[in-house]
Amino acid sequence: MERGGQIGNKNASKSRMFSDRLRMILTQEPHRLRAIAEQLIFQAEEGEPWAIKELFDRLEGKAHQSTSLETADGQTIIPHLQVTFINPNEPN
């Protein structure tokens, strides 16, 4: 499937269609969005971990994740890592 001059992922396109449809329905029927939000809040109040996490992710943003490689004594093995992408069709 071509989108914007690029070959796209068919699953991503389907996901986008699903998101667009949800957005359209919830925009046209805001009472449904309110009911969903209220249910999420209710589930969080009931102590559901997934609902609490979802609320925090939406309100505060997802927590940043990082990975570091360290020796047994805590020394950083790779202090800085740079990744460079090259085009194999271009000469060096």
N, C-alpha and C. Protein backbone atom coordinates (compact mmCIF):
# COMPACT_ATOMS: atom_id res chain seq x y z
N MET A 1 0.85 -1.17 0.00
CA MET A 1 0.00 0.00 0.00
C MET A 1 0.89 1.23 0.00
N GLU A 2 0.61 2.16 -0.87
CA GLU A 2 1.43 3.35 -0.98
C GLU A 2 0.74 4.50 -0.28
N ARG A 3 1.52 5.25 0.50
CA ARG A 3 0.96 6.37 1.25
C ARG A 3 2.00 7.47 1.28
N GLY A 4 1.67 8.62 0.76
CA GLY A 4 2.61 9.73 0.78
C GLY A 4 3.88 9.46 -0.01
N GLY A 5 3.79 8.65 -1.07
CA GLY A 5 4.96 8.38 -1.88
C GLY A 5 5.85 7.29 -1.33
N GLN A 6 5.47 6.69 -0.21
CA GLN A 6 6.28 5.64 0.39
C GLN A 6 5.44 4.39 0.55
N ILE A 7 6.12 3.26 0.49
CA ILE A 7 5.43 2.00 0.72
C ILE A 7 5.22 1.87 2.21
N GLY A 8 3.98 1.65 2.63
CA GLY A 8 3.67 1.60 4.06
C GLY A 8 3.38 0.20 4.55
N ASN A 9 3.34 0.07 5.83
CA ASN A 9 3.01 -1.18 6.50
C ASN A 9 1.48 -1.32 6.47
N LYS A 10 0.98 -2.43 5.92
CA LYS A 10 -0.47 -2.62 5.82
C LYS A 10 -1.12 -2.64 7.19
N ASN A 11 -0.45 -3.22 8.19
CA ASN A 11 -1.01 -3.24 9.54
C ASN A 11 -1.09 -1.84 10.13
N ALA A 12 -0.08 -1.02 9.84
CA ALA A 12 -0.10 0.36 10.33
C ALA A 12 -1.24 1.12 9.69
N SER A 13 -1.48 0.86 8.42
CA SER A 13 -2.58 1.53 7.72
C SER A 13 -3.92 1.13 8.32
N LYS A 14 -4.09 -0.16 8.63
CA LYS A 14 -5.33 -0.63 9.25
C LYS A 14 -5.49 -0.01 10.64
N SER A 15 -4.40 0.08 11.37
CA SER A 15 -4.44 0.68 12.70
C SER A 15 -4.85 2.15 12.60
N ARG A 16 -4.32 2.84 11.61
CA ARG A 16 -4.65 4.24 11.40
C ARG A 16 -6.14 4.39 11.07
N MET A 17 -6.66 3.49 10.23
CA MET A 17 -8.08 3.52 9.88
C MET A 17 -8.94 3.33 11.12
N PHE A 18 -8.52 2.39 11.99
CA PHE A 18 -9.25 2.12 13.22
C PHE A 18 -9.24 3.35 14.12
N SER A 19 -8.06 3.96 14.28
CA SER A 19 -7.94 5.16 15.11
C SER A 19 -8.77 6.31 14.55
N ASP A 20 -8.74 6.48 13.24
CA ASP A 20 -9.53 7.54 12.61
C ASP A 20 -11.02 7.33 12.85
N ARG A 21 -11.46 6.08 12.75
CA ARG A 21 -12.88 5.77 12.96
C ARG A 21 -13.29 6.04 14.41
N LEU A 22 -12.45 5.61 15.35
CA LEU A 22 -12.74 5.88 16.76
C LEU A 22 -12.82 7.37 17.03
N ARG A 23 -11.86 8.10 16.49
CA ARG A 23 -11.82 9.55 16.69
C ARG A 23 -13.10 10.19 16.13
N MET A 24 -13.54 9.75 14.96
CA MET A 24 -14.74 10.30 14.35
C MET A 24 -15.97 10.03 15.23
N ILE A 25 -16.12 8.79 15.68
CA ILE A 25 -17.27 8.45 16.52
C ILE A 25 -17.27 9.24 17.81
N LEU A 26 -16.11 9.30 18.47
CA LEU A 26 -16.05 9.97 19.77
C LEU A 26 -16.18 11.48 19.64
N THR A 27 -15.81 12.03 18.49
CA THR A 27 -16.00 13.46 18.25
C THR A 27 -17.46 13.78 18.00
N GLN A 28 -18.12 12.89 17.27
CA GLN A 28 -19.53 13.12 16.95
C GLN A 28 -20.46 12.80 18.12
N GLU A 29 -20.00 11.92 19.01
CA GLU A 29 -20.81 11.52 20.16
C GLU A 29 -20.00 11.66 21.45
N PRO A 30 -19.78 12.91 21.90
CA PRO A 30 -18.91 13.14 23.05
C PRO A 30 -19.38 12.48 24.34
N HIS A 31 -20.67 12.18 24.46
CA HIS A 31 -21.16 11.51 25.67
C HIS A 31 -20.52 10.13 25.81
N ARG A 32 -20.18 9.50 24.70
CA ARG A 32 -19.53 8.18 24.75
C ARG A 32 -18.10 8.30 25.27
N LEU A 33 -17.40 9.35 24.85
CA LEU A 33 -16.04 9.57 25.34
C LEU A 33 -16.06 9.84 26.84
N ARG A 34 -17.03 10.63 27.27
CA ARG A 34 -17.16 10.92 28.70
C ARG A 34 -17.41 9.64 29.49
N ALA A 35 -18.27 8.76 28.98
CA ALA A 35 -18.56 7.50 29.66
C ALA A 35 -17.31 6.62 29.76
N ILE A 36 -16.51 6.61 28.70
CA ILE A 36 -15.27 5.83 28.71
C ILE A 36 -14.30 6.39 29.74
N ALA A 37 -14.15 7.71 29.75
CA ALA A 37 -13.25 8.35 30.71
C ALA A 37 -13.71 8.08 32.15
N GLU A 38 -15.00 8.17 32.39
CA GLU A 38 -15.53 7.92 33.72
C GLU A 38 -15.30 6.47 34.15
N GLN A 39 -15.44 5.54 33.20
CA GLN A 39 -15.19 4.12 33.50
C GLN A 39 -13.71 3.90 33.84
N LEU A 40 -12.83 4.56 33.12
CA LEU A 40 -11.39 4.44 33.40
C LEU A 40 -11.09 4.96 34.80
N ILE A 41 -11.65 6.09 35.15
CA ILE A 41 -11.45 6.66 36.49
C ILE A 41 -12.02 5.73 37.55
N PHE A 42 -13.20 5.18 37.30
CA PHE A 42 -13.81 4.25 38.25
C PHE A 42 -12.91 3.03 38.46
N GLN A 43 -12.39 2.47 37.37
CA GLN A 43 -11.52 1.29 37.48
C GLN A 43 -10.26 1.64 38.28
N ALA A 44 -9.71 2.83 38.08
CA ALA A 44 -8.53 3.26 38.85
C ALA A 44 -8.88 3.40 40.33
N GLU A 45 -10.05 3.97 40.61
CA GLU A 45 -10.49 4.11 42.00
C GLU A 45 -10.68 2.75 42.67
N GLU A 46 -11.05 1.76 41.88
CA GLU A 46 -11.24 0.40 42.40
C GLU A 46 -9.90 -0.32 42.60
N GLY A 47 -8.81 0.33 42.21
CA GLY A 47 -7.49 -0.25 42.43
C GLY A 47 -6.95 -1.08 41.28
N GLU A 48 -7.57 -0.99 40.10
CA GLU A 48 -7.08 -1.75 38.95
C GLU A 48 -5.74 -1.15 38.49
N PRO A 49 -4.64 -1.92 38.59
CA PRO A 49 -3.32 -1.39 38.22
C PRO A 49 -3.24 -0.88 36.79
N TRP A 50 -3.86 -1.57 35.83
CA TRP A 50 -3.80 -1.14 34.44
C TRP A 50 -4.46 0.22 34.26
N ALA A 51 -5.55 0.47 34.99
CA ALA A 51 -6.27 1.74 34.86
C ALA A 51 -5.47 2.87 35.50
N ILE A 52 -4.86 2.59 36.64
CA ILE A 52 -4.01 3.59 37.30
C ILE A 52 -2.85 3.96 36.40
N LYS A 53 -2.20 2.94 35.80
CA LYS A 53 -1.07 3.18 34.90
C LYS A 53 -1.52 4.00 33.69
N GLU A 54 -2.66 3.65 33.12
CA GLU A 54 -3.16 4.38 31.96
C GLU A 54 -3.42 5.84 32.29
N LEU A 55 -4.02 6.10 33.44
CA LEU A 55 -4.26 7.49 33.83
C LEU A 55 -2.95 8.26 34.00
N PHE A 56 -1.98 7.65 34.68
CA PHE A 56 -0.70 8.33 34.87
C PHE A 56 0.01 8.55 33.54
N ASP A 57 -0.03 7.55 32.65
CA ASP A 57 0.61 7.70 31.35
C ASP A 57 -0.02 8.84 30.56
N ARG A 58 -1.34 8.97 30.64
CA ARG A 58 -2.04 10.01 29.89
C ARG A 58 -1.84 11.39 30.51
N LEU A 59 -1.78 11.46 31.83
CA LEU A 59 -1.67 12.76 32.50
C LEU A 59 -0.23 13.24 32.64
N GLU A 60 0.68 12.33 32.93
CA GLU A 60 2.07 12.70 33.20
C GLU A 60 3.03 12.33 32.08
N GLY A 61 2.57 11.51 31.15
CA GLY A 61 3.45 11.02 30.09
C GLY A 61 4.11 9.72 30.56
N LYS A 62 4.45 8.89 29.61
CA LYS A 62 5.07 7.61 29.95
C LYS A 62 6.46 7.87 30.52
N ALA A 63 6.84 7.03 31.47
CA ALA A 63 8.16 7.15 32.09
C ALA A 63 9.24 6.85 31.05
N HIS A 64 10.33 7.60 31.09
CA HIS A 64 11.45 7.37 30.19
C HIS A 64 12.16 6.09 30.61
N GLN A 65 12.57 5.33 29.62
CA GLN A 65 13.31 4.10 29.89
C GLN A 65 14.71 4.25 29.35
N SER A 66 15.66 3.77 30.10
CA SER A 66 17.04 3.80 29.63
C SER A 66 17.72 2.50 30.00
N THR A 67 18.75 2.19 29.27
CA THR A 67 19.52 0.99 29.51
C THR A 67 20.98 1.37 29.58
N SER A 68 21.68 0.82 30.54
CA SER A 68 23.12 1.06 30.61
C SER A 68 23.82 -0.27 30.85
N LEU A 69 25.00 -0.37 30.31
CA LEU A 69 25.82 -1.56 30.52
C LEU A 69 26.88 -1.22 31.55
N GLU A 70 26.93 -2.03 32.62
CA GLU A 70 27.87 -1.75 33.70
C GLU A 70 28.61 -3.02 34.08
N THR A 71 29.80 -2.82 34.63
CA THR A 71 30.56 -3.94 35.17
C THR A 71 29.99 -4.29 36.54
N ALA A 72 30.49 -5.34 37.15
CA ALA A 72 30.00 -5.78 38.46
C ALA A 72 30.18 -4.71 39.52
N ASP A 73 31.21 -3.85 39.37
CA ASP A 73 31.44 -2.80 40.36
C ASP A 73 30.75 -1.48 40.00
N GLY A 74 29.88 -1.48 39.00
CA GLY A 74 29.09 -0.29 38.68
C GLY A 74 29.70 0.64 37.66
N GLN A 75 30.83 0.29 37.07
CA GLN A 75 31.46 1.14 36.05
C GLN A 75 30.70 1.01 34.73
N THR A 76 30.44 2.13 34.09
CA THR A 76 29.76 2.11 32.80
C THR A 76 30.69 1.55 31.75
N ILE A 77 30.20 0.56 31.00
CA ILE A 77 31.03 -0.07 29.97
C ILE A 77 31.09 0.79 28.72
N ILE A 78 29.95 1.27 28.27
CA ILE A 78 29.91 2.12 27.08
C ILE A 78 29.30 3.46 27.51
N PRO A 79 30.15 4.47 27.79
CA PRO A 79 29.59 5.73 28.27
C PRO A 79 28.74 6.46 27.23
N HIS A 80 29.12 6.36 25.96
CA HIS A 80 28.36 7.02 24.89
C HIS A 80 28.30 6.07 23.71
N LEU A 81 27.15 5.96 23.13
CA LEU A 81 26.97 5.10 21.98
C LEU A 81 26.32 5.91 20.89
N GLN A 82 26.92 5.88 19.71
CA GLN A 82 26.36 6.61 18.59
C GLN A 82 25.99 5.60 17.52
N VAL A 83 24.78 5.72 17.02
CA VAL A 83 24.31 4.85 15.95
C VAL A 83 24.19 5.69 14.70
N THR A 84 24.79 5.24 13.62
CA THR A 84 24.72 5.96 12.35
C THR A 84 24.11 5.04 11.31
N PHE A 85 23.08 5.52 10.66
CA PHE A 85 22.45 4.75 9.59
C PHE A 85 23.03 5.23 8.27
N ILE A 86 23.39 4.29 7.43
CA ILE A 86 23.93 4.64 6.13
C ILE A 86 23.05 4.06 5.04
N ASN A 87 23.11 4.67 3.90
CA ASN A 87 22.39 4.17 2.73
C ASN A 87 23.35 3.27 1.97
N PRO A 88 23.05 1.98 1.86
CA PRO A 88 23.98 1.07 1.19
C PRO A 88 24.10 1.37 -0.31
N ASN A 89 23.21 2.15 -0.85
CA ASN A 89 23.27 2.46 -2.28
C ASN A 89 24.14 3.67 -2.59
N GLU A 90 24.58 4.38 -1.57
CA GLU A 90 25.44 5.54 -1.78
C GLU A 90 26.90 5.14 -1.60
N PRO A 91 27.80 5.68 -2.42
CA PRO A 91 29.22 5.37 -2.24
C PRO A 91 29.75 6.01 -0.96
N ASN A 92 30.76 5.39 -0.39
CA ASN A 92 31.34 5.91 0.87
C ASN A 92 32.04 7.19 0.68
